């Protein structure tokens, strides 16, 4: 039951049900849940967790997490809001609790460009730098300036620039496992004042073929259309979008793959060749696959879905089955993009 404590009216819920806070819609319990609206809330929540020996778990939009069991600790639910825009410089500072898609729309309304390829990515803005979100030829790293980070160990706030974050494909130093979380409080991005369309991703370029010279608004609409066709609406069917990262394999392994398939889909990457994980899973027969109430989307083999009554454990077991099949069939290891929370 929710109640307030202490000098800054921290909202706490004990024995908290986490189903409303994860896009898979699976049931799980946390010892307590703290809503974070300001830095004072964060400081008090961490102090309370420390005094009760509770582990901490940071949760933004809950769109990139699978609870495969209960969490015996305190969940920090980021609810801080605020967007500061300098249209002359193109700099924008965003509170971590802001919705990412809403931010993309806000930027377009203010004639600031670059993020439109990443429209409809679910989740909060604070989660964006953690996994260096990206879509359709664009990654957050390209626009990143800095972020403010609260260290739950020291209680200090520090600023990290792009080099500090050590960004890579769907990864950053912030994603590395730590005994205590580091909480992104806000981030600053440098956007473009002059439209510079990025149509490097073939699917997006094809979608926009009928438009000779697409505007950022055209790109935004096209990306939304593509994503809605390919991905189920999490408000209707529980899912977290793409469950696995697209693996990058060495050139020699790709040549071996080409001996089995005429033209496997691929994209150049810094470390080799990137193969769509969805294609690998589709070759293994997982598109539309069902195992009880857990399943795989009929639209995209990369998307695990909760058909209504699946548990987090059942979805996790399905994910591991998919990994094992791809490993057996192709010798390729699929790494989850979604964070799985397991308990002993």
C-alpha atoms as a PDB file:
ATOM      1  CA  UNK A   1       0.000   0.000   0.000  1.00  0.00           C
ATOM      2  CA  UNK A   2       1.482   3.379  -0.969  1.00  0.00           C
ATOM      3  CA  UNK A   3       2.414   5.848   1.734  1.00  0.00           C
ATOM      4  CA  UNK A   4       4.717   8.811   2.254  1.00  0.00           C
ATOM      5  CA  UNK A   5       7.706   9.053   4.543  1.00  0.00           C
ATOM      6  CA  UNK A   6      10.286  11.552   5.641  1.00  0.00           C
ATOM      7  CA  UNK A   7      11.207  15.112   4.935  1.00  0.00           C
ATOM      8  CA  UNK A   8      10.666  15.064   1.166  1.00  0.00           C
ATOM      9  CA  UNK A   9       7.429  13.074   1.021  1.00  0.00           C
ATOM     10  CA  UNK A  10       8.943  10.035  -0.684  1.00  0.00           C
ATOM     11  CA  UNK A  11       6.234   7.854  -2.213  1.00  0.00           C
ATOM     12  CA  UNK A  12       6.813   4.224  -1.181  1.00  0.00           C
ATOM     13  CA  UNK A  13       4.853   1.053  -1.898  1.00  0.00           C
ATOM     14  CA  UNK A  14       5.700  -2.091   0.083  1.00  0.00           C
ATOM     15  CA  UNK A  15       5.242  -5.604  -1.356  1.00  0.00           C
ATOM     16  CA  UNK A  16       4.819  -3.791  -4.669  1.00  0.00           C
ATOM     17  CA  UNK A  17       3.260  -5.493  -7.687  1.00  0.00           C
ATOM     18  CA  UNK A  18       5.466  -4.788 -10.717  1.00  0.00           C
ATOM     19  CA  UNK A  19       3.050  -5.882 -13.443  1.00  0.00           C
ATOM     20  CA  UNK A  20       1.965  -2.285 -14.210  1.00  0.00           C
ATOM     21  CA  UNK A  21       5.598  -1.244 -14.560  1.00  0.00           C
ATOM     22  CA  UNK A  22       6.891  -3.693 -17.195  1.00  0.00           C
ATOM     23  CA  UNK A  23       5.813  -3.875 -20.829  1.00  0.00           C
ATOM     24  CA  UNK A  24       5.762  -7.697 -20.813  1.00  0.00           C
ATOM     25  CA  UNK A  25       2.912  -7.413 -18.313  1.00  0.00           C
ATOM     26  CA  UNK A  26       4.251 -10.228 -16.132  1.00  0.00           C
ATOM     27  CA  UNK A  27       3.535 -10.401 -12.440  1.00  0.00           C
ATOM     28  CA  UNK A  28       6.411  -9.973 -10.004  1.00  0.00           C
ATOM     29  CA  UNK A  29       6.798  -8.483  -6.552  1.00  0.00           C
ATOM     30  CA  UNK A  30       9.378  -6.136  -5.067  1.00  0.00           C
ATOM     31  CA  UNK A  31       9.994  -5.624  -1.366  1.00  0.00           C
ATOM     32  CA  UNK A  32       9.247  -1.961  -1.962  1.00  0.00           C
ATOM     33  CA  UNK A  33       9.013   0.573  -4.762  1.00  0.00           C
ATOM     34  CA  UNK A  34      10.071   4.216  -4.517  1.00  0.00           C
ATOM     35  CA  UNK A  35       8.876   6.894  -6.937  1.00  0.00           C
ATOM     36  CA  UNK A  36      11.681   9.323  -7.764  1.00  0.00           C
ATOM     37  CA  UNK A  37      10.522  12.824  -8.720  1.00  0.00           C
ATOM     38  CA  UNK A  38      13.568  14.810  -7.569  1.00  0.00           C
ATOM     39  CA  UNK A  39      17.167  14.360  -6.433  1.00  0.00           C
ATOM     40  CA  UNK A  40      16.044  14.557  -2.799  1.00  0.00           C
ATOM     41  CA  UNK A  41      13.781  11.549  -3.375  1.00  0.00           C
ATOM     42  CA  UNK A  42      16.702   9.593  -4.778  1.00  0.00           C
ATOM     43  CA  UNK A  43      18.967  10.431  -1.854  1.00  0.00           C
ATOM     44  CA  UNK A  44      16.344   9.440   0.704  1.00  0.00           C
ATOM     45  CA  UNK A  45      15.422   6.220  -1.118  1.00  0.00           C
ATOM     46  CA  UNK A  46      19.047   5.071  -1.241  1.00  0.00           C
ATOM     47  CA  UNK A  47      19.506   5.952   2.432  1.00  0.00           C
ATOM     48  CA  UNK A  48      16.411   3.906   3.311  1.00  0.00           C
ATOM     49  CA  UNK A  49      17.575   0.953   1.214  1.00  0.00           C
ATOM     50  CA  UNK A  50      21.010   1.051   2.857  1.00  0.00           C
ATOM     51  CA  UNK A  51      19.545   1.084   6.350  1.00  0.00           C
ATOM     52  CA  UNK A  52      17.458  -2.000   5.528  1.00  0.00           C
ATOM     53  CA  UNK A  53      20.134  -3.866   3.505  1.00  0.00           C
ATOM     54  CA  UNK A  54      17.939  -3.815   0.409  1.00  0.00           C
ATOM     55  CA  UNK A  55      19.448  -4.229  -3.065  1.00  0.00           C
ATOM     56  CA  UNK A  56      18.434  -1.570  -5.579  1.00  0.00           C
ATOM     57  CA  UNK A  57      16.961  -1.872  -9.061  1.00  0.00           C
ATOM     58  CA  UNK A  58      16.527   1.106 -11.365  1.00  0.00           C
ATOM     59  CA  UNK A  59      13.383   1.100 -13.516  1.00  0.00           C
ATOM     60  CA  UNK A  60      12.460   3.683 -16.133  1.00  0.00           C
ATOM     61  CA  UNK A  61       9.682   2.832 -18.564  1.00  0.00           C
ATOM     62  CA  UNK A  62      10.026  -0.898 -17.898  1.00  0.00           C
ATOM     63  CA  UNK A  63      10.209  -1.553 -21.628  1.00  0.00           C
ATOM     64  CA  UNK A  64      13.581  -3.285 -21.650  1.00  0.00           C
ATOM     65  CA  UNK A  65      13.276  -5.640 -18.689  1.00  0.00           C
ATOM     66  CA  UNK A  66      11.902  -9.124 -18.045  1.00  0.00           C
ATOM     67  CA  UNK A  67      11.125 -10.136 -14.477  1.00  0.00           C
ATOM     68  CA  UNK A  68      11.799 -13.882 -14.349  1.00  0.00           C
ATOM     69  CA  UNK A  69      11.075 -13.804 -10.623  1.00  0.00           C
ATOM     70  CA  UNK A  70      10.400 -11.469  -7.721  1.00  0.00           C
ATOM     71  CA  UNK A  71      12.915  -8.771  -6.780  1.00  0.00           C
ATOM     72  CA  UNK A  72      13.879  -8.890  -3.083  1.00  0.00           C
ATOM     73  CA  UNK A  73      14.791  -5.241  -2.799  1.00  0.00           C
ATOM     74  CA  UNK A  74      13.840  -1.652  -3.599  1.00  0.00           C
ATOM     75  CA  UNK A  75      12.820  -0.612  -7.111  1.00  0.00           C
ATOM     76  CA  UNK A  76      13.630   3.001  -8.002  1.00  0.00           C
ATOM     77  CA  UNK A  77      10.946   4.211 -10.410  1.00  0.00           C
ATOM     78  CA  UNK A  78      12.167   7.308 -12.251  1.00  0.00           C
ATOM     79  CA  UNK A  79       9.411   9.914 -12.527  1.00  0.00           C
ATOM     80  CA  UNK A  80      11.389  13.177 -12.796  1.00  0.00           C
ATOM     81  CA  UNK A  81      10.290  15.450 -15.633  1.00  0.00           C
ATOM     82  CA  UNK A  82      11.558  18.476 -17.518  1.00  0.00           C
ATOM     83  CA  UNK A  83      12.909  19.536 -20.926  1.00  0.00           C
ATOM     84  CA  UNK A  84      15.105  22.620 -21.450  1.00  0.00           C
ATOM     85  CA  UNK A  85      15.584  23.698 -25.076  1.00  0.00           C
ATOM     86  CA  UNK A  86      18.025  26.211 -26.550  1.00  0.00           C
ATOM     87  CA  UNK A  87      16.849  26.539 -30.147  1.00  0.00           C
ATOM     88  CA  UNK A  88      19.738  28.805 -31.143  1.00  0.00           C
ATOM     89  CA  UNK A  89      22.441  26.309 -30.195  1.00  0.00           C
ATOM     90  CA  UNK A  90      20.423  23.123 -30.706  1.00  0.00           C
ATOM     91  CA  UNK A  91      21.242  21.956 -27.187  1.00  0.00           C
ATOM     92  CA  UNK A  92      18.518  20.200 -25.229  1.00  0.00           C
ATOM     93  CA  UNK A  93      18.629  18.980 -21.613  1.00  0.00           C
ATOM     94  CA  UNK A  94      16.153  16.266 -20.623  1.00  0.00           C
ATOM     95  CA  UNK A  95      15.170  14.777 -17.261  1.00  0.00           C
ATOM     96  CA  UNK A  96      15.557  10.996 -17.113  1.00  0.00           C
ATOM     97  CA  UNK A  97      11.869  10.332 -16.492  1.00  0.00           C
ATOM     98  CA  UNK A  98      10.719  11.883 -19.767  1.00  0.00           C
ATOM     99  CA  UNK A  99       9.241   9.517 -22.366  1.00  0.00           C
ATOM    100  CA  UNK A 100      11.612   9.025 -25.304  1.00  0.00           C
ATOM    101  CA  UNK A 101       9.034   9.126 -28.114  1.00  0.00           C
ATOM    102  CA  UNK A 102       7.479  12.270 -26.644  1.00  0.00           C
ATOM    103  CA  UNK A 103      10.948  13.828 -26.688  1.00  0.00           C
ATOM    104  CA  UNK A 104      11.382  13.046 -30.402  1.00  0.00           C
ATOM    105  CA  UNK A 105       8.073  14.790 -31.111  1.00  0.00           C
ATOM    106  CA  UNK A 106       9.043  17.772 -28.948  1.00  0.00           C
ATOM    107  CA  UNK A 107      12.281  18.186 -30.890  1.00  0.00           C
ATOM    108  CA  UNK A 108      10.479  18.185 -34.243  1.00  0.00           C
ATOM    109  CA  UNK A 109       7.967  20.755 -32.996  1.00  0.00           C
ATOM    110  CA  UNK A 110      10.909  22.977 -32.059  1.00  0.00           C
ATOM    111  CA  UNK A 111      12.636  22.513 -35.446  1.00  0.00           C
ATOM    112  CA  UNK A 112      15.472  20.453 -33.978  1.00  0.00           C
ATOM    113  CA  UNK A 113      16.392  17.384 -35.971  1.00  0.00           C
ATOM    114  CA  UNK A 114      18.277  14.094 -35.902  1.00  0.00           C
ATOM    115  CA  UNK A 115      16.234  11.906 -33.569  1.00  0.00           C
ATOM    116  CA  UNK A 116      13.361  11.206 -35.980  1.00  0.00           C
ATOM    117  CA  UNK A 117      14.842   7.837 -37.051  1.00  0.00           C
ATOM    118  CA  UNK A 118      14.468   6.745 -33.422  1.00  0.00           C
ATOM    119  CA  UNK A 119      10.746   7.510 -33.163  1.00  0.00           C
ATOM    120  CA  UNK A 120       8.538   5.087 -31.229  1.00  0.00           C
ATOM    121  CA  UNK A 121      11.415   3.493 -29.338  1.00  0.00           C
ATOM    122  CA  UNK A 122       9.653   2.672 -26.071  1.00  0.00           C
ATOM    123  CA  UNK A 123      10.924   3.678 -22.668  1.00  0.00           C
ATOM    124  CA  UNK A 124      12.302   6.627 -20.769  1.00  0.00           C
ATOM    125  CA  UNK A 125      15.002   9.068 -21.820  1.00  0.00           C
ATOM    126  CA  UNK A 126      17.214   8.054 -18.899  1.00  0.00           C
ATOM    127  CA  UNK A 127      17.528   4.548 -20.312  1.00  0.00           C
ATOM    128  CA  UNK A 128      18.619   5.810 -23.736  1.00  0.00           C
ATOM    129  CA  UNK A 129      22.354   6.279 -23.021  1.00  0.00           C
ATOM    130  CA  UNK A 130      22.595   3.103 -20.949  1.00  0.00           C
ATOM    131  CA  UNK A 131      22.220   0.898 -24.003  1.00  0.00           C
ATOM    132  CA  UNK A 132      23.020   3.549 -26.618  1.00  0.00           C
ATOM    133  CA  UNK A 133      19.625   3.174 -28.262  1.00  0.00           C
ATOM    134  CA  UNK A 134      19.404   3.301 -32.015  1.00  0.00           C
ATOM    135  CA  UNK A 135      17.230   2.527 -35.005  1.00  0.00           C
ATOM    136  CA  UNK A 136      17.213   2.854 -38.788  1.00  0.00           C
ATOM    137  CA  UNK A 137      20.805   3.993 -39.167  1.00  0.00           C
ATOM    138  CA  UNK A 138      21.026   6.323 -36.146  1.00  0.00           C
ATOM    139  CA  UNK A 139      22.391   5.868 -32.625  1.00  0.00           C
ATOM    140  CA  UNK A 140      22.087   8.138 -29.597  1.00  0.00           C
ATOM    141  CA  UNK A 141      25.882   8.444 -29.413  1.00  0.00           C
ATOM    142  CA  UNK A 142      25.863  10.733 -32.475  1.00  0.00           C
ATOM    143  CA  UNK A 143      23.938  13.429 -30.584  1.00  0.00           C
ATOM    144  CA  UNK A 144      25.146  12.839 -27.044  1.00  0.00           C
ATOM    145  CA  UNK A 145      26.914  15.618 -25.126  1.00  0.00           C
ATOM    146  CA  UNK A 146      26.809  14.661 -21.445  1.00  0.00           C
ATOM    147  CA  UNK A 147      24.723  13.249 -18.614  1.00  0.00           C
ATOM    148  CA  UNK A 148      24.405  13.738 -14.872  1.00  0.00           C
ATOM    149  CA  UNK A 149      24.814  10.506 -12.929  1.00  0.00           C
ATOM    150  CA  UNK A 150      23.943   9.747  -9.307  1.00  0.00           C
ATOM    151  CA  UNK A 151      26.225   7.117  -7.759  1.00  0.00           C
ATOM    152  CA  UNK A 152      24.262   5.058  -5.234  1.00  0.00           C
ATOM    153  CA  UNK A 153      27.501   3.983  -3.533  1.00  0.00           C
ATOM    154  CA  UNK A 154      28.944   7.415  -2.817  1.00  0.00           C
ATOM    155  CA  UNK A 155      25.813   9.551  -3.008  1.00  0.00           C
ATOM    156  CA  UNK A 156      27.647  11.915  -5.358  1.00  0.00           C
ATOM    157  CA  UNK A 157      26.478  13.311  -8.702  1.00  0.00           C
ATOM    158  CA  UNK A 158      29.005  13.524 -11.513  1.00  0.00           C
ATOM    159  CA  UNK A 159      28.920  14.566 -15.154  1.00  0.00           C
ATOM    160  CA  UNK A 160      29.966  12.109 -17.874  1.00  0.00           C
ATOM    161  CA  UNK A 161      30.794  13.050 -21.461  1.00  0.00           C
ATOM    162  CA  UNK A 162      30.709  10.859 -24.566  1.00  0.00           C
ATOM    163  CA  UNK A 163      34.204   9.481 -24.013  1.00  0.00           C
ATOM    164  CA  UNK A 164      33.407   8.618 -20.393  1.00  0.00           C
ATOM    165  CA  UNK A 165      30.362   6.590 -21.475  1.00  0.00           C
ATOM    166  CA  UNK A 166      32.386   4.379 -23.851  1.00  0.00           C
ATOM    167  CA  UNK A 167      29.474   3.834 -26.220  1.00  0.00           C
ATOM    168  CA  UNK A 168      29.269   0.857 -28.574  1.00  0.00           C
ATOM    169  CA  UNK A 169      26.483  -1.065 -30.308  1.00  0.00           C
ATOM    170  CA  UNK A 170      23.585  -1.208 -27.803  1.00  0.00           C
ATOM    171  CA  UNK A 171      26.057  -0.813 -24.979  1.00  0.00           C
ATOM    172  CA  UNK A 172      27.867   1.658 -22.743  1.00  0.00           C
ATOM    173  CA  UNK A 173      29.896   1.632 -19.553  1.00  0.00           C
ATOM    174  CA  UNK A 174      26.609   2.328 -17.747  1.00  0.00           C
ATOM    175  CA  UNK A 175      25.329  -1.121 -18.697  1.00  0.00           C
ATOM    176  CA  UNK A 176      28.111  -2.978 -16.908  1.00  0.00           C
ATOM    177  CA  UNK A 177      26.878  -4.942 -13.868  1.00  0.00           C
ATOM    178  CA  UNK A 178      27.492  -3.187 -10.562  1.00  0.00           C
ATOM    179  CA  UNK A 179      26.582  -4.037  -6.962  1.00  0.00           C
ATOM    180  CA  UNK A 180      24.690  -0.735  -6.750  1.00  0.00           C
ATOM    181  CA  UNK A 181      23.098   1.068  -9.698  1.00  0.00           C
ATOM    182  CA  UNK A 182      24.255   4.351 -11.138  1.00  0.00           C
ATOM    183  CA  UNK A 183      21.233   6.505 -11.880  1.00  0.00           C
ATOM    184  CA  UNK A 184      21.025   8.775 -14.913  1.00  0.00           C
ATOM    185  CA  UNK A 185      19.292  11.942 -13.681  1.00  0.00           C
ATOM    186  CA  UNK A 186      19.398  13.955 -16.911  1.00  0.00           C
ATOM    187  CA  UNK A 187      21.179  14.097 -20.246  1.00  0.00           C
ATOM    188  CA  UNK A 188      22.112  16.757 -22.769  1.00  0.00           C
ATOM    189  CA  UNK A 189      21.944  16.269 -26.535  1.00  0.00           C
ATOM    190  CA  UNK A 190      23.208  18.368 -29.440  1.00  0.00           C
ATOM    191  CA  UNK A 191      20.616  18.333 -32.220  1.00  0.00           C
ATOM    192  CA  UNK A 192      20.651  19.689 -35.765  1.00  0.00           C
ATOM    193  CA  UNK A 193      19.058  23.007 -36.689  1.00  0.00           C
ATOM    194  CA  UNK A 194      19.214  22.163 -40.401  1.00  0.00           C
ATOM    195  CA  UNK A 195      17.516  18.951 -41.602  1.00  0.00           C
ATOM    196  CA  UNK A 196      19.985  16.267 -42.679  1.00  0.00           C
ATOM    197  CA  UNK A 197      17.934  13.163 -43.558  1.00  0.00           C
ATOM    198  CA  UNK A 198      19.590   9.807 -42.880  1.00  0.00           C
ATOM    199  CA  UNK A 199      18.207   7.143 -45.235  1.00  0.00           C
ATOM    200  CA  UNK A 200      21.102   4.705 -44.909  1.00  0.00           C
ATOM    201  CA  UNK A 201      18.854   1.920 -43.623  1.00  0.00           C
ATOM    202  CA  UNK A 202      17.390   0.054 -46.653  1.00  0.00           C
ATOM    203  CA  UNK A 203      13.950  -0.591 -45.134  1.00  0.00           C
ATOM    204  CA  UNK A 204      13.479   3.095 -44.369  1.00  0.00           C
ATOM    205  CA  UNK A 205      14.794   4.197 -47.767  1.00  0.00           C
ATOM    206  CA  UNK A 206      12.322   1.878 -49.498  1.00  0.00           C
ATOM    207  CA  UNK A 207       9.439   3.175 -47.381  1.00  0.00           C
ATOM    208  CA  UNK A 208      10.263   6.723 -48.466  1.00  0.00           C
ATOM    209  CA  UNK A 209      10.871   5.993 -52.162  1.00  0.00           C
ATOM    210  CA  UNK A 210       7.593   7.635 -53.265  1.00  0.00           C
ATOM    211  CA  UNK A 211       8.769  10.869 -51.623  1.00  0.00           C
ATOM    212  CA  UNK A 212      11.558  12.449 -53.604  1.00  0.00           C
ATOM    213  CA  UNK A 213      13.025  14.673 -50.909  1.00  0.00           C
ATOM    214  CA  UNK A 214      11.715  13.558 -47.490  1.00  0.00           C
ATOM    215  CA  UNK A 215      11.570  15.983 -44.590  1.00  0.00           C
ATOM    216  CA  UNK A 216      12.338  15.003 -40.981  1.00  0.00           C
ATOM    217  CA  UNK A 217       8.571  14.851 -40.436  1.00  0.00           C
ATOM    218  CA  UNK A 218       8.268  12.397 -43.349  1.00  0.00           C
ATOM    219  CA  UNK A 219      10.993  10.244 -41.797  1.00  0.00           C
ATOM    220  CA  UNK A 220       9.254  10.361 -38.416  1.00  0.00           C
ATOM    221  CA  UNK A 221       5.960   9.186 -39.939  1.00  0.00           C
ATOM    222  CA  UNK A 222       7.660   6.460 -41.987  1.00  0.00           C
ATOM    223  CA  UNK A 223       9.545   5.089 -38.980  1.00  0.00           C
ATOM    224  CA  UNK A 224       6.320   5.008 -36.954  1.00  0.00           C
ATOM    225  CA  UNK A 225       4.519   3.176 -39.767  1.00  0.00           C
ATOM    226  CA  UNK A 226       7.287   0.574 -40.088  1.00  0.00           C
ATOM    227  CA  UNK A 227       7.503  -0.048 -36.356  1.00  0.00           C
ATOM    228  CA  UNK A 228       3.733  -0.387 -35.978  1.00  0.00           C
ATOM    229  CA  UNK A 229       3.653  -2.932 -38.797  1.00  0.00           C
ATOM    230  CA  UNK A 230       6.501  -4.986 -37.391  1.00  0.00           C
ATOM    231  CA  UNK A 231       6.056  -4.720 -33.633  1.00  0.00           C
ATOM    232  CA  UNK A 232       2.967  -5.481 -31.545  1.00  0.00           C
ATOM    233  CA  UNK A 233       1.539  -2.738 -29.352  1.00  0.00           C
ATOM    234  CA  UNK A 234       2.731  -3.510 -25.770  1.00  0.00           C
ATOM    235  CA  UNK A 235      -0.494  -2.035 -24.371  1.00  0.00           C
ATOM    236  CA  UNK A 236      -2.349  -4.880 -26.111  1.00  0.00           C
ATOM    237  CA  UNK A 237       0.225  -7.691 -26.304  1.00  0.00           C
ATOM    238  CA  UNK A 238       2.984  -7.822 -23.702  1.00  0.00           C
ATOM    239  CA  UNK A 239       6.440  -7.464 -25.253  1.00  0.00           C
ATOM    240  CA  UNK A 240       9.698  -5.528 -25.003  1.00  0.00           C
ATOM    241  CA  UNK A 241      10.393  -5.107 -28.701  1.00  0.00           C
ATOM    242  CA  UNK A 242      13.574  -6.739 -29.979  1.00  0.00           C
ATOM    243  CA  UNK A 243      14.668  -9.253 -27.358  1.00  0.00           C
ATOM    244  CA  UNK A 244      18.148  -9.984 -28.767  1.00  0.00           C
ATOM    245  CA  UNK A 245      20.923  -7.868 -30.225  1.00  0.00           C
ATOM    246  CA  UNK A 246      21.889  -8.380 -33.848  1.00  0.00           C
ATOM    247  CA  UNK A 247      25.105 -10.439 -33.643  1.00  0.00           C
ATOM    248  CA  UNK A 248      28.308  -9.324 -35.333  1.00  0.00           C
ATOM    249  CA  UNK A 249      30.354 -12.175 -36.815  1.00  0.00           C
ATOM    250  CA  UNK A 250      33.834 -12.292 -38.422  1.00  0.00           C
ATOM    251  CA  UNK A 251      34.091 -12.068 -42.212  1.00  0.00           C
ATOM    252  CA  UNK A 252      35.191 -15.702 -42.543  1.00  0.00           C
ATOM    253  CA  UNK A 253      32.123 -16.920 -40.635  1.00  0.00           C
ATOM    254  CA  UNK A 254      29.906 -14.828 -42.882  1.00  0.00           C
ATOM    255  CA  UNK A 255      31.484 -16.450 -45.939  1.00  0.00           C
ATOM    256  CA  UNK A 256      30.664 -19.859 -44.459  1.00  0.00           C
ATOM    257  CA  UNK A 257      27.077 -18.696 -43.960  1.00  0.00           C
ATOM    258  CA  UNK A 258      26.912 -17.680 -47.617  1.00  0.00           C
ATOM    259  CA  UNK A 259      27.735 -21.229 -48.664  1.00  0.00           C
ATOM    260  CA  UNK A 260      24.465 -22.335 -47.016  1.00  0.00           C
ATOM    261  CA  UNK A 261      22.270 -19.402 -48.048  1.00  0.00           C
ATOM    262  CA  UNK A 262      22.410 -17.513 -51.342  1.00  0.00           C
ATOM    263  CA  UNK A 263      22.151 -14.012 -49.924  1.00  0.00           C
ATOM    264  CA  UNK A 264      21.782 -13.843 -46.156  1.00  0.00           C
ATOM    265  CA  UNK A 265      20.873 -10.327 -44.998  1.00  0.00           C
ATOM    266  CA  UNK A 266      23.837  -8.458 -43.583  1.00  0.00           C
ATOM    267  CA  UNK A 267      25.192  -5.036 -42.698  1.00  0.00           C
ATOM    268  CA  UNK A 268      28.796  -3.864 -42.359  1.00  0.00           C
ATOM    269  CA  UNK A 269      30.016  -3.340 -38.795  1.00  0.00           C
ATOM    270  CA  UNK A 270      33.258  -2.152 -37.220  1.00  0.00           C
ATOM    271  CA  UNK A 271      34.180  -5.612 -35.970  1.00  0.00           C
ATOM    272  CA  UNK A 272      32.871  -7.670 -38.912  1.00  0.00           C
ATOM    273  CA  UNK A 273      29.447  -8.341 -40.394  1.00  0.00           C
ATOM    274  CA  UNK A 274      26.156  -7.737 -38.584  1.00  0.00           C
ATOM    275  CA  UNK A 275      23.473 -10.389 -39.118  1.00  0.00           C
ATOM    276  CA  UNK A 276      19.805  -9.694 -38.256  1.00  0.00           C
ATOM    277  CA  UNK A 277      18.953 -11.842 -35.236  1.00  0.00           C
ATOM    278  CA  UNK A 278      15.350 -11.988 -36.451  1.00  0.00           C
ATOM    279  CA  UNK A 279      16.465 -13.672 -39.672  1.00  0.00           C
ATOM    280  CA  UNK A 280      18.473 -16.300 -37.772  1.00  0.00           C
ATOM    281  CA  UNK A 281      15.488 -17.044 -35.543  1.00  0.00           C
ATOM    282  CA  UNK A 282      13.139 -17.224 -38.510  1.00  0.00           C
ATOM    283  CA  UNK A 283      15.404 -19.805 -40.159  1.00  0.00           C
ATOM    284  CA  UNK A 284      15.043 -21.832 -36.955  1.00  0.00           C
ATOM    285  CA  UNK A 285      11.248 -21.743 -37.211  1.00  0.00           C
ATOM    286  CA  UNK A 286      10.541 -19.381 -34.323  1.00  0.00           C
ATOM    287  CA  UNK A 287       8.356 -16.842 -36.131  1.00  0.00           C
ATOM    288  CA  UNK A 288       4.867 -17.264 -34.653  1.00  0.00           C
ATOM    289  CA  UNK A 289       6.099 -20.008 -32.303  1.00  0.00           C
ATOM    290  CA  UNK A 290       3.993 -20.693 -29.221  1.00  0.00           C
ATOM    291  CA  UNK A 291       4.844 -22.431 -25.981  1.00  0.00           C
ATOM    292  CA  UNK A 292       1.916 -22.166 -23.602  1.00  0.00           C
ATOM    293  CA  UNK A 293       1.136 -18.497 -23.045  1.00  0.00           C
ATOM    294  CA  UNK A 294       4.677 -17.480 -24.026  1.00  0.00           C
ATOM    295  CA  UNK A 295       5.385 -17.047 -27.695  1.00  0.00           C
ATOM    296  CA  UNK A 296       7.063 -15.255 -30.571  1.00  0.00           C
ATOM    297  CA  UNK A 297       5.347 -12.621 -32.682  1.00  0.00           C
ATOM    298  CA  UNK A 298       3.912 -13.628 -36.054  1.00  0.00           C
ATOM    299  CA  UNK A 299       5.236 -10.310 -37.388  1.00  0.00           C
ATOM    300  CA  UNK A 300       8.849 -10.581 -36.249  1.00  0.00           C
ATOM    301  CA  UNK A 301      10.835 -13.545 -34.915  1.00  0.00           C
ATOM    302  CA  UNK A 302      12.906 -11.234 -32.713  1.00  0.00           C
ATOM    303  CA  UNK A 303       9.944 -10.250 -30.545  1.00  0.00           C
ATOM    304  CA  UNK A 304       8.910 -12.435 -27.603  1.00  0.00           C
ATOM    305  CA  UNK A 305       5.310 -11.931 -26.534  1.00  0.00           C
ATOM    306  CA  UNK A 306       3.111 -12.634 -23.551  1.00  0.00           C
ATOM    307  CA  UNK A 307      -0.111 -14.038 -24.992  1.00  0.00           C
ATOM    308  CA  UNK A 308      -1.961 -13.207 -21.806  1.00  0.00           C
ATOM    309  CA  UNK A 309      -0.934 -15.384 -18.908  1.00  0.00           C
ATOM    310  CA  UNK A 310       2.753 -16.160 -19.326  1.00  0.00           C
ATOM    311  CA  UNK A 311       5.090 -15.844 -16.372  1.00  0.00           C
ATOM    312  CA  UNK A 312       8.436 -14.128 -16.625  1.00  0.00           C
ATOM    313  CA  UNK A 313      10.109 -17.471 -15.981  1.00  0.00           C
ATOM    314  CA  UNK A 314       8.296 -19.055 -18.943  1.00  0.00           C
ATOM    315  CA  UNK A 315       9.337 -16.215 -21.242  1.00  0.00           C
ATOM    316  CA  UNK A 316      12.924 -16.506 -20.031  1.00  0.00           C
ATOM    317  CA  UNK A 317      12.904 -20.254 -20.687  1.00  0.00           C
ATOM    318  CA  UNK A 318      11.649 -19.588 -24.219  1.00  0.00           C
ATOM    319  CA  UNK A 319      14.412 -17.028 -24.770  1.00  0.00           C
ATOM    320  CA  UNK A 320      17.041 -19.558 -23.671  1.00  0.00           C
ATOM    321  CA  UNK A 321      15.526 -22.173 -26.001  1.00  0.00           C
ATOM    322  CA  UNK A 322      15.842 -19.712 -28.888  1.00  0.00           C
ATOM    323  CA  UNK A 323      19.465 -18.971 -28.006  1.00  0.00           C
ATOM    324  CA  UNK A 324      20.292 -22.679 -27.844  1.00  0.00           C
ATOM    325  CA  UNK A 325      18.686 -23.388 -31.227  1.00  0.00           C
ATOM    326  CA  UNK A 326      20.554 -20.580 -32.994  1.00  0.00           C
ATOM    327  CA  UNK A 327      23.810 -21.682 -31.369  1.00  0.00           C
ATOM    328  CA  UNK A 328      23.224 -25.257 -32.507  1.00  0.00           C
ATOM    329  CA  UNK A 329      22.144 -24.341 -36.041  1.00  0.00           C
ATOM    330  CA  UNK A 330      24.567 -21.511 -36.827  1.00  0.00           C
ATOM    331  CA  UNK A 331      27.241 -21.512 -34.126  1.00  0.00           C
ATOM    332  CA  UNK A 332      26.230 -17.924 -33.340  1.00  0.00           C
ATOM    333  CA  UNK A 333      25.556 -16.674 -29.816  1.00  0.00           C
ATOM    334  CA  UNK A 334      22.574 -14.371 -29.380  1.00  0.00           C
ATOM    335  CA  UNK A 335      22.977 -11.820 -26.614  1.00  0.00           C
ATOM    336  CA  UNK A 336      19.806 -10.467 -24.969  1.00  0.00           C
ATOM    337  CA  UNK A 337      19.077  -6.788 -25.469  1.00  0.00           C
ATOM    338  CA  UNK A 338      16.435  -7.036 -22.748  1.00  0.00           C
ATOM    339  CA  UNK A 339      17.658  -7.162 -19.145  1.00  0.00           C
ATOM    340  CA  UNK A 340      16.496 -10.314 -17.373  1.00  0.00           C
ATOM    341  CA  UNK A 341      15.947 -10.053 -13.609  1.00  0.00           C
ATOM    342  CA  UNK A 342      16.333 -13.499 -12.026  1.00  0.00           C
ATOM    343  CA  UNK A 343      16.159 -14.525  -8.389  1.00  0.00           C
ATOM    344  CA  UNK A 344      17.701 -17.599  -6.849  1.00  0.00           C
END
